[in-house]
């Protein structure tokens, strides 16, 4: 009898890719996807530890699935990913009905582990070494990279794919748990990334997004020569059939001139750079251990804008970090108002056990103050984003059509009497465009004439006059909606970024 699985994913694009690969591996073992968790023989929760809300979401889901486990004791329940690595024994202490706790470095073991549980082997815990539990080499080896053959049916769309350049992180920002749950930074070879991309293109993929915790810190030693992200982009740009290349997330100090030149000179590389500032005040950046000053960040931004005047730059900000004063927060407001970010992803500080901030600094900004500052920064970014979108009215933009708009999906996605629906796509600089058009345009590159705009989206008509534009009543805000998302594969995944 065929076994069925269900997986829910919380967190960044790295987690989305991990879920895709886990599902693909199980499908090769004969598993099929269930249409609901209640119909599954195995339920997995791929977890995030970047913010407390993400963990709370998983524990709530585990509480709900408990009744199903009581009704069907043979149901396999797995907690995988970053929270599994961070909490380990705590997961089963809080939810003893969980069968599998598997860290990011052990995802390749899941088919075998599931088979062992089904055979009566009992609960399993498989995680990597703590960063302090051995030499760097030993810890690195315990975080095995997981990049098996892809299954094209598992991607949210057949024409877009995430491609991992590296795993882990060595930045150790004071607020961030990623270096602890994802391990030391490990690059994949240029050859393996190029080969994977060629296979994806052969399967119909038009756009890839290279992902890494700090993707622009990519380095690969090729026979004594150090290849950087710019070298990788040059090789990917030569692949026939590939139309677009994006990469996220970037670390400010690693935004080198050769990388900026690659974005400028390589036609398939999109002029879109996500470079988190995290704060506008040097004192706070120092407490965050970010490794740069605002002066250095602005110098980097100047180099980007000088070479790429039409590029879109986006950022992340944390409000309410330990000790943040009104005056320090005002510096973040000033930065948002002056830097002309396309949009910013704004988060309230959440203390994470295991980080330097958790161990050495006091989370002393009241929650109400955090909420207020979050809204103030969002309001400031809204004004900037709206102004930044206005010049696009009256222009023609090439759009990769991704699928139904958020409003259309909410309404069920049925085409109108004329066979059209409200679709959405993205420009090369990652601006969302909504327009009415036939469903057959999904997965295609089309030209759209922009007729209206709001802060987070452009509105237009297909350039050949095929469709008539209708302005959205409500447009989603990436600053709030993209802070956390959950997916039950397979679905179309909202855009997000692995956070530096």
Protein backbone atom coordinates (compact mmCIF):
# COMPACT_ATOMS: atom_id res chain seq x y z
CA UNK A 1 0.00 0.00 0.00
CA UNK A 2 1.36 3.44 -0.97
CA UNK A 3 2.40 5.65 1.92
CA UNK A 4 1.43 9.32 1.94
CA UNK A 5 3.25 12.27 3.48
CA UNK A 6 2.47 15.84 4.45
CA UNK A 7 5.01 18.56 5.16
CA UNK A 8 4.64 22.08 6.51
CA UNK A 9 7.49 24.54 6.22
CA UNK A 10 8.16 27.63 8.30
CA UNK A 11 11.02 30.02 7.63
CA UNK A 12 13.34 31.11 4.88
CA UNK A 13 13.99 29.93 1.33
CA UNK A 14 16.66 27.55 2.61
CA UNK A 15 13.91 25.69 4.46
CA UNK A 16 11.67 25.74 1.40
CA UNK A 17 14.44 24.08 -0.61
CA UNK A 18 15.10 21.55 2.16
CA UNK A 19 11.43 20.56 2.15
CA UNK A 20 11.46 20.16 -1.62
CA UNK A 21 14.46 17.86 -1.40
CA UNK A 22 13.08 15.79 1.50
CA UNK A 23 9.80 15.24 -0.31
CA UNK A 24 11.60 14.33 -3.51
CA UNK A 25 13.74 11.77 -1.65
CA UNK A 26 10.67 10.15 -0.08
CA UNK A 27 8.86 10.08 -3.41
CA UNK A 28 11.75 8.11 -4.84
CA UNK A 29 11.04 5.59 -2.07
CA UNK A 30 7.45 5.26 -3.27
CA UNK A 31 5.77 7.86 -1.06
CA UNK A 32 3.08 10.16 -2.40
CA UNK A 33 1.85 13.54 -1.20
CA UNK A 34 -1.31 13.62 0.87
CA UNK A 35 -3.92 16.31 0.30
CA UNK A 36 -4.22 16.94 4.06
CA UNK A 37 -2.33 16.00 7.21
CA UNK A 38 -5.31 13.91 8.34
CA UNK A 39 -4.78 11.64 5.33
CA UNK A 40 -1.02 11.24 5.73
CA UNK A 41 1.01 8.32 7.05
CA UNK A 42 3.81 10.70 7.98
CA UNK A 43 3.64 14.38 8.92
CA UNK A 44 6.75 16.57 8.97
CA UNK A 45 7.26 20.06 10.31
CA UNK A 46 10.29 21.80 8.79
CA UNK A 47 11.14 24.41 11.36
CA UNK A 48 12.76 27.81 11.86
CA UNK A 49 14.48 29.22 14.95
CA UNK A 50 15.18 32.77 13.83
CA UNK A 51 12.22 34.16 15.80
CA UNK A 52 10.18 32.89 18.72
CA UNK A 53 6.94 33.18 16.77
CA UNK A 54 8.18 30.59 14.30
CA UNK A 55 8.84 28.10 17.10
CA UNK A 56 5.51 28.85 18.78
CA UNK A 57 3.79 28.11 15.48
CA UNK A 58 5.36 24.65 15.36
CA UNK A 59 4.51 23.76 18.95
CA UNK A 60 0.91 24.81 18.28
CA UNK A 61 0.85 22.55 15.22
CA UNK A 62 2.27 19.69 17.29
CA UNK A 63 -0.52 20.21 19.81
CA UNK A 64 -3.11 19.94 17.07
CA UNK A 65 -1.62 16.80 15.51
CA UNK A 66 -1.57 15.03 18.87
CA UNK A 67 -5.22 13.96 18.54
CA UNK A 68 -4.51 12.44 15.17
CA UNK A 69 -1.58 10.53 16.69
CA UNK A 70 -3.84 9.22 19.46
CA UNK A 71 -6.34 8.07 16.86
CA UNK A 72 -3.66 6.54 14.63
CA UNK A 73 -0.58 5.50 16.69
CA UNK A 74 1.17 4.32 13.52
CA UNK A 75 1.29 7.92 12.20
CA UNK A 76 4.91 9.09 11.97
CA UNK A 77 5.47 12.65 13.19
CA UNK A 78 8.75 14.39 12.48
CA UNK A 79 10.22 17.73 13.53
CA UNK A 80 13.07 18.60 11.20
CA UNK A 81 15.32 21.56 10.47
CA UNK A 82 16.64 24.39 12.59
CA UNK A 83 14.42 24.06 15.67
CA UNK A 84 15.21 20.36 15.80
CA UNK A 85 18.93 21.16 15.88
CA UNK A 86 18.52 23.91 18.50
CA UNK A 87 16.05 22.25 20.88
CA UNK A 88 16.85 18.56 20.32
CA UNK A 89 15.60 16.73 23.45
CA UNK A 90 13.29 19.61 24.36
CA UNK A 91 11.08 18.84 21.37
CA UNK A 92 10.15 15.38 22.64
CA UNK A 93 10.00 16.66 26.21
CA UNK A 94 7.24 19.09 25.17
CA UNK A 95 5.71 16.77 22.57
CA UNK A 96 6.55 13.12 23.42
CA UNK A 97 4.36 11.92 20.54
CA UNK A 98 7.02 13.12 18.08
CA UNK A 99 8.86 10.19 16.43
CA UNK A 100 11.68 11.97 14.60
CA UNK A 101 13.83 14.97 15.54
CA UNK A 102 16.22 15.61 12.65
CA UNK A 103 18.58 18.56 12.20
CA UNK A 104 19.44 20.28 8.89
CA UNK A 105 22.66 18.28 8.60
CA UNK A 106 20.85 14.94 8.74
CA UNK A 107 17.98 15.48 6.32
CA UNK A 108 19.46 12.92 3.94
CA UNK A 109 18.74 10.24 6.57
CA UNK A 110 14.99 10.85 6.67
CA UNK A 111 13.88 8.04 4.29
CA UNK A 112 15.87 5.51 6.33
CA UNK A 113 14.74 6.97 9.66
CA UNK A 114 11.07 6.86 8.64
CA UNK A 115 11.44 3.25 7.56
CA UNK A 116 13.05 2.42 10.92
CA UNK A 117 10.18 4.02 12.86
CA UNK A 118 7.57 2.21 10.76
CA UNK A 119 9.41 -1.05 11.42
CA UNK A 120 9.03 -0.51 15.16
CA UNK A 121 12.43 0.99 15.89
CA UNK A 122 11.05 3.72 18.14
CA UNK A 123 11.77 7.49 18.25
CA UNK A 124 14.98 8.81 16.71
CA UNK A 125 17.10 11.89 17.37
CA UNK A 126 19.63 12.78 14.67
CA UNK A 127 21.40 16.14 14.96
CA UNK A 128 24.81 17.67 14.30
CA UNK A 129 27.52 18.59 16.79
CA UNK A 130 27.30 21.84 18.72
CA UNK A 131 29.72 24.48 17.38
CA UNK A 132 31.74 24.13 20.60
CA UNK A 133 31.66 20.32 20.75
CA UNK A 134 34.72 19.64 18.60
CA UNK A 135 37.16 20.97 16.06
CA UNK A 136 35.86 23.01 13.15
CA UNK A 137 36.49 20.06 10.86
CA UNK A 138 34.55 17.66 13.09
CA UNK A 139 31.64 20.07 13.44
CA UNK A 140 31.65 20.77 9.70
CA UNK A 141 31.53 17.07 8.88
CA UNK A 142 28.54 16.63 11.18
CA UNK A 143 26.60 19.20 9.10
CA UNK A 144 26.40 17.22 5.87
CA UNK A 145 25.25 19.14 2.82
CA UNK A 146 21.98 17.86 1.43
CA UNK A 147 21.63 18.37 -2.32
CA UNK A 148 20.30 15.19 -3.96
CA UNK A 149 18.80 14.92 -7.43
CA UNK A 150 15.85 17.23 -7.87
CA UNK A 151 12.27 16.18 -8.53
CA UNK A 152 10.71 18.79 -10.87
CA UNK A 153 7.20 18.05 -9.60
CA UNK A 154 8.21 19.20 -6.12
CA UNK A 155 9.06 22.79 -7.05
CA UNK A 156 6.42 25.41 -6.27
CA UNK A 157 6.56 26.29 -9.97
CA UNK A 158 8.22 24.31 -12.79
CA UNK A 159 9.85 27.42 -14.24
CA UNK A 160 11.56 28.72 -11.07
CA UNK A 161 13.97 26.99 -8.72
CA UNK A 162 16.11 27.63 -5.68
CA UNK A 163 19.75 26.55 -5.95
CA UNK A 164 21.97 26.34 -2.89
CA UNK A 165 25.45 27.83 -3.13
CA UNK A 166 26.52 27.07 0.43
CA UNK A 167 25.28 25.99 3.82
CA UNK A 168 25.96 27.41 7.25
CA UNK A 169 27.27 30.79 8.37
CA UNK A 170 30.37 32.12 10.11
CA UNK A 171 29.25 35.72 10.80
CA UNK A 172 27.96 35.13 14.36
CA UNK A 173 25.79 38.23 14.63
CA UNK A 174 24.77 38.63 18.26
CA UNK A 175 21.04 38.16 17.58
CA UNK A 176 21.24 35.25 15.12
CA UNK A 177 21.01 31.55 15.85
CA UNK A 178 21.74 30.42 12.27
CA UNK A 179 25.49 29.69 12.76
CA UNK A 180 24.52 27.35 15.60
CA UNK A 181 21.70 25.49 13.85
CA UNK A 182 23.14 25.46 10.31
CA UNK A 183 26.78 24.98 11.23
CA UNK A 184 30.00 26.33 9.70
CA UNK A 185 29.89 27.85 6.24
CA UNK A 186 30.47 25.23 3.54
CA UNK A 187 30.49 26.07 -0.16
CA UNK A 188 29.35 23.77 -2.93
CA UNK A 189 31.59 23.44 -5.95
CA UNK A 190 31.01 25.66 -8.97
CA UNK A 191 30.77 22.54 -11.14
CA UNK A 192 27.98 21.01 -9.03
CA UNK A 193 25.98 24.25 -9.02
CA UNK A 194 26.35 24.66 -12.78
CA UNK A 195 25.41 21.02 -13.42
CA UNK A 196 22.33 21.31 -11.20
CA UNK A 197 21.27 24.47 -12.99
CA UNK A 198 21.72 22.86 -16.41
CA UNK A 199 19.48 19.98 -15.31
CA UNK A 200 16.86 22.42 -14.02
CA UNK A 201 16.89 24.33 -17.31
CA UNK A 202 16.51 21.09 -19.24
CA UNK A 203 13.36 20.48 -17.17
CA UNK A 204 11.92 23.86 -18.19
CA UNK A 205 13.26 26.19 -15.51
CA UNK A 206 13.64 29.82 -16.63
CA UNK A 207 14.76 31.46 -13.39
CA UNK A 208 17.02 30.34 -10.58
CA UNK A 209 17.63 32.02 -7.24
CA UNK A 210 20.97 31.24 -5.64
CA UNK A 211 20.56 31.01 -1.88
CA UNK A 212 22.98 31.11 1.03
CA UNK A 213 22.88 32.63 4.49
CA UNK A 214 25.36 35.20 3.16
CA UNK A 215 25.44 34.24 -0.49
CA UNK A 216 27.96 36.86 -1.55
CA UNK A 217 30.57 35.44 0.82
CA UNK A 218 30.73 32.41 -1.49
CA UNK A 219 34.26 31.12 -2.08
CA UNK A 220 35.38 27.90 -3.80
CA UNK A 221 38.98 26.74 -4.17
CA UNK A 222 39.42 25.41 -7.71
CA UNK A 223 42.91 24.01 -8.07
CA UNK A 224 44.46 26.78 -6.01
CA UNK A 225 42.34 29.53 -7.58
CA UNK A 226 39.63 31.10 -5.45
CA UNK A 227 36.36 31.42 -7.35
CA UNK A 228 33.86 33.93 -6.00
CA UNK A 229 30.17 34.54 -6.59
CA UNK A 230 30.97 36.74 -9.58
CA UNK A 231 32.80 33.83 -11.23
CA UNK A 232 29.87 31.51 -10.57
CA UNK A 233 27.43 34.04 -12.04
CA UNK A 234 29.54 34.31 -15.19
CA UNK A 235 29.36 30.55 -15.75
CA UNK A 236 25.63 30.39 -15.04
CA UNK A 237 24.99 33.32 -17.38
CA UNK A 238 26.29 31.21 -20.30
CA UNK A 239 23.71 28.44 -19.87
CA UNK A 240 21.37 28.37 -22.87
CA UNK A 241 17.71 28.53 -21.92
CA UNK A 242 18.24 30.16 -18.54
CA UNK A 243 16.61 33.58 -18.55
CA UNK A 244 17.07 35.02 -15.06
CA UNK A 245 19.49 34.65 -12.16
CA UNK A 246 18.89 36.09 -8.68
CA UNK A 247 20.82 35.64 -5.45
CA UNK A 248 20.00 36.22 -1.77
CA UNK A 249 20.92 37.15 0.95
CA UNK A 250 23.95 39.46 0.81
CA UNK A 251 26.25 40.63 3.59
CA UNK A 252 27.20 44.34 3.24
CA UNK A 253 30.97 43.93 3.64
CA UNK A 254 31.07 41.21 0.98
CA UNK A 255 29.41 43.36 -1.71
CA UNK A 256 32.63 43.58 -3.71
CA UNK A 257 33.24 45.56 -6.88
CA UNK A 258 33.62 42.41 -8.98
CA UNK A 259 30.16 41.24 -7.88
CA UNK A 260 28.59 44.62 -8.61
CA UNK A 261 30.24 44.55 -12.05
CA UNK A 262 28.86 41.04 -12.68
CA UNK A 263 25.31 42.24 -11.96
CA UNK A 264 25.91 45.19 -14.29
CA UNK A 265 27.52 43.28 -17.16
CA UNK A 266 25.85 39.85 -17.21
CA UNK A 267 22.47 40.17 -18.95
CA UNK A 268 20.77 37.28 -17.15
CA UNK A 269 21.67 38.48 -13.64
CA UNK A 270 18.77 40.47 -12.23
CA UNK A 271 19.47 43.99 -10.92
CA UNK A 272 18.05 43.13 -7.52
CA UNK A 273 20.16 43.08 -4.34
CA UNK A 274 18.91 42.18 -0.88
CA UNK A 275 21.51 43.64 1.50
CA UNK A 276 20.25 43.80 5.10
CA UNK A 277 21.34 46.83 7.11
CA UNK A 278 19.55 45.56 10.26
CA UNK A 279 19.85 48.98 11.94
CA UNK A 280 20.71 52.61 11.28
CA UNK A 281 22.81 53.31 14.35
CA UNK A 282 26.49 52.41 14.73
CA UNK A 283 26.14 51.75 18.46
CA UNK A 284 23.38 49.22 17.89
CA UNK A 285 25.23 47.61 14.98
CA UNK A 286 28.19 47.20 17.32
CA UNK A 287 26.00 45.53 19.96
CA UNK A 288 24.60 43.33 17.18
CA UNK A 289 28.17 42.44 16.14
CA UNK A 290 27.32 43.10 12.51
CA UNK A 291 30.90 44.02 11.60
CA UNK A 292 30.34 47.32 9.78
CA UNK A 293 29.28 50.89 10.40
CA UNK A 294 26.53 52.88 8.72
CA UNK A 295 29.23 54.85 6.95
CA UNK A 296 30.58 51.63 5.46
CA UNK A 297 27.08 50.48 4.54
CA UNK A 298 26.35 53.76 2.76
CA UNK A 299 29.69 53.57 0.93
CA UNK A 300 28.67 50.11 -0.31
CA UNK A 301 25.26 51.45 -1.33
CA UNK A 302 26.92 54.33 -3.19
CA UNK A 303 29.06 51.89 -5.18
CA UNK A 304 25.95 49.87 -6.06
CA UNK A 305 23.96 52.91 -7.14
CA UNK A 306 26.86 54.36 -9.10
CA UNK A 307 27.27 51.19 -11.19
CA UNK A 308 23.64 50.06 -11.12
CA UNK A 309 21.44 53.18 -11.02
CA UNK A 310 18.32 51.19 -11.90
CA UNK A 311 18.91 48.32 -9.48
CA UNK A 312 16.45 47.61 -6.68
CA UNK A 313 17.99 47.29 -3.23
CA UNK A 314 16.05 45.83 -0.31
CA UNK A 315 16.93 45.53 3.34
CA UNK A 316 16.10 43.92 6.69
CA UNK A 317 15.66 45.83 9.94
CA UNK A 318 15.36 44.73 13.54
CA UNK A 319 13.57 47.04 15.97
CA UNK A 320 13.73 46.83 19.72
CA UNK A 321 17.16 45.22 19.96
CA UNK A 322 18.73 45.14 23.41
CA UNK A 323 19.16 48.64 24.80
CA UNK A 324 17.70 50.43 21.77
CA UNK A 325 16.84 54.01 22.74
CA UNK A 326 14.45 56.37 21.01
CA UNK A 327 17.41 58.25 19.57
CA UNK A 328 18.99 55.05 18.24
CA UNK A 329 15.71 53.94 16.66
CA UNK A 330 15.43 57.33 14.98
CA UNK A 331 18.64 56.53 13.12
CA UNK A 332 16.91 53.53 11.53
CA UNK A 333 14.05 55.80 10.51
CA UNK A 334 16.55 58.20 8.98
CA UNK A 335 18.21 55.39 7.04
CA UNK A 336 14.93 54.09 5.64
CA UNK A 337 13.90 57.60 4.59
CA UNK A 338 17.21 58.31 2.86
CA UNK A 339 18.40 55.00 1.38
CA UNK A 340 15.55 54.50 -1.13
CA UNK A 341 15.11 50.80 -0.46
CA UNK A 342 12.55 49.13 -2.73
CA UNK A 343 11.17 47.55 0.41
CA UNK A 344 12.37 46.41 3.81
CA UNK A 345 11.55 43.36 5.87
CA UNK A 346 11.01 44.60 9.41
CA UNK A 347 11.14 42.42 12.52
CA UNK A 348 10.79 42.92 16.23
CA UNK A 349 13.80 41.59 18.13
CA UNK A 350 13.26 38.10 19.49
CA UNK A 351 15.86 36.74 21.98
CA UNK A 352 17.28 33.39 20.82
CA UNK A 353 18.91 31.01 23.31
CA UNK A 354 22.49 30.22 22.36
CA UNK A 355 23.22 33.63 20.85
CA UNK A 356 25.58 36.22 22.34
CA UNK A 357 22.75 38.71 22.76
CA UNK A 358 20.73 36.17 24.76
CA UNK A 359 23.71 35.35 26.98
CA UNK A 360 25.19 38.81 27.49
CA UNK A 361 22.56 41.48 26.81
CA UNK A 362 19.20 42.29 28.32
CA UNK A 363 16.03 42.27 26.23
CA UNK A 364 14.89 45.48 27.87
CA UNK A 365 12.71 47.14 25.22
CA UNK A 366 9.03 46.62 26.14
CA UNK A 367 6.92 44.69 23.65
CA UNK A 368 4.56 47.63 23.18
CA UNK A 369 7.52 49.84 22.26
CA UNK A 370 8.75 47.23 19.80
CA UNK A 371 5.33 47.10 18.15
CA UNK A 372 5.18 50.87 17.91
CA UNK A 373 8.64 51.15 16.38
CA UNK A 374 7.88 48.32 13.98
CA UNK A 375 4.84 50.19 12.70
CA UNK A 376 6.69 53.51 12.48
CA UNK A 377 9.44 51.94 10.39
CA UNK A 378 6.89 50.16 8.20
CA UNK A 379 5.02 53.43 7.66
CA UNK A 380 8.25 55.18 6.67
CA UNK A 381 9.15 52.40 4.24
CA UNK A 382 5.64 52.50 2.75
CA UNK A 383 6.12 56.16 1.83
CA UNK A 384 9.53 55.44 0.29
CA UNK A 385 8.29 52.38 -1.61
CA UNK A 386 5.32 54.22 -3.07
CA UNK A 387 7.54 57.05 -4.25
CA UNK A 388 10.00 54.55 -5.72
CA UNK A 389 7.25 52.84 -7.73
CA UNK A 390 5.75 56.02 -9.20
CA UNK A 391 8.35 56.41 -12.01
CA UNK A 392 7.32 53.03 -13.41
CA UNK A 393 3.88 54.32 -14.48
CA UNK A 394 3.89 54.59 -18.26
CA UNK A 395 6.85 52.23 -18.72
CA UNK A 396 6.94 48.77 -20.26
CA UNK A 397 8.35 46.02 -18.06
CA UNK A 398 9.28 42.43 -18.80
CA UNK A 399 7.48 40.20 -16.28
CA UNK A 400 7.93 36.54 -15.47
CA UNK A 401 4.35 35.44 -14.79
CA UNK A 402 4.38 33.36 -11.60
CA UNK A 403 0.70 32.55 -11.14
CA UNK A 404 -2.50 33.90 -9.68
CA UNK A 405 -2.42 37.09 -7.65
CA UNK A 406 -2.92 36.87 -3.91
CA UNK A 407 -6.47 38.19 -4.27
CA UNK A 408 -7.27 35.70 -7.04
CA UNK A 409 -5.97 32.80 -4.95
CA UNK A 410 -8.08 33.94 -2.03
CA UNK A 411 -11.14 34.00 -4.28
CA UNK A 412 -10.54 30.48 -5.53
CA UNK A 413 -8.64 31.21 -8.71
CA UNK A 414 -11.45 30.62 -11.19
CA UNK A 415 -11.06 32.47 -14.50
CA UNK A 416 -13.70 35.02 -15.47
CA UNK A 417 -16.18 34.56 -18.28
CA UNK A 418 -13.62 35.85 -20.77
CA UNK A 419 -11.15 33.14 -19.71
CA UNK A 420 -8.88 35.52 -17.86
CA UNK A 421 -7.76 35.86 -14.25
CA UNK A 422 -5.79 38.31 -12.21
CA UNK A 423 -2.18 37.14 -12.48
CA UNK A 424 1.03 38.27 -10.84
CA UNK A 425 4.64 38.27 -11.90
CA UNK A 426 7.90 40.03 -11.20
CA UNK A 427 10.12 42.40 -13.09
CA UNK A 428 13.88 41.73 -13.25
CA UNK A 429 14.27 44.10 -10.26
CA UNK A 430 11.79 41.96 -8.30
CA UNK A 431 8.83 44.34 -8.37
CA UNK A 432 5.47 42.59 -8.19
CA UNK A 433 3.14 43.34 -11.12
CA UNK A 434 -0.57 42.36 -11.22
CA UNK A 435 -2.65 42.28 -14.39
CA UNK A 436 -5.55 40.43 -16.01
CA UNK A 437 -4.58 37.85 -18.63
CA UNK A 438 -5.24 34.26 -19.75
CA UNK A 439 -3.91 31.53 -17.47
CA UNK A 440 -1.81 30.22 -20.35
CA UNK A 441 0.66 33.06 -19.74
CA UNK A 442 1.75 31.55 -16.41
CA UNK A 443 5.39 30.56 -16.69
CA UNK A 444 6.11 32.92 -19.57
CA UNK A 445 8.03 36.14 -19.93
CA UNK A 446 5.64 38.85 -21.13
CA UNK A 447 5.81 42.61 -21.57
CA UNK A 448 3.42 44.57 -19.38
CA UNK A 449 2.61 48.28 -19.63
CA UNK A 450 2.43 49.77 -16.13
CA UNK A 451 -0.70 51.87 -15.56
CA UNK A 452 -0.89 52.29 -11.78
CA UNK A 453 1.03 51.58 -8.61
CA UNK A 454 0.78 51.17 -4.87
CA UNK A 455 3.56 50.81 -2.32
CA UNK A 456 4.13 47.09 -2.82
CA UNK A 457 2.90 46.37 -6.35
CA UNK A 458 2.64 47.69 -9.86
CA UNK A 459 -0.50 47.27 -11.97
CA UNK A 460 -0.59 46.97 -15.71
CA UNK A 461 -1.89 45.52 -18.96
CA UNK A 462 -0.23 42.98 -21.21
CA UNK A 463 1.54 45.04 -23.84
CA UNK A 464 -0.21 43.50 -26.84
CA UNK A 465 -3.56 44.70 -25.51
CA UNK A 466 -4.62 41.18 -24.54
CA UNK A 467 -5.79 42.18 -21.08
CA UNK A 468 -7.28 45.12 -19.29
CA UNK A 469 -5.77 46.29 -15.98
CA UNK A 470 -7.76 46.32 -12.77
CA UNK A 471 -6.25 47.89 -9.69
CA UNK A 472 -6.15 45.74 -6.55
CA UNK A 473 -8.30 46.89 -3.66
CA UNK A 474 -5.70 45.60 -1.25
CA UNK A 475 -2.02 44.97 -1.95
CA UNK A 476 0.12 42.75 0.31
CA UNK A 477 2.93 44.29 2.33
CA UNK A 478 6.22 42.38 2.07
CA UNK A 479 7.42 44.10 5.24
CA UNK A 480 4.87 42.16 7.26
CA UNK A 481 3.67 39.24 5.13
CA UNK A 482 7.14 37.92 4.35
CA UNK A 483 8.41 37.95 7.91
CA UNK A 484 7.20 34.38 8.35
CA UNK A 485 5.38 32.00 6.11
CA UNK A 486 4.29 28.38 6.23
CA UNK A 487 3.69 26.13 3.28
CA UNK A 488 2.24 22.71 2.83
CA UNK A 489 3.95 21.32 -0.26
CA UNK A 490 3.18 21.50 -3.07
CA UNK A 491 2.10 25.14 -3.23
CA UNK A 492 3.31 28.35 -4.83
CA UNK A 493 5.72 29.75 -2.29
CA UNK A 494 5.71 33.43 -1.34
CA UNK A 495 8.99 35.13 -2.05
CA UNK A 496 11.30 35.58 0.91
CA UNK A 497 15.01 35.57 1.71
CA UNK A 498 17.34 33.78 3.88
CA UNK A 499 18.17 36.36 6.49
CA UNK A 500 21.69 37.55 7.15
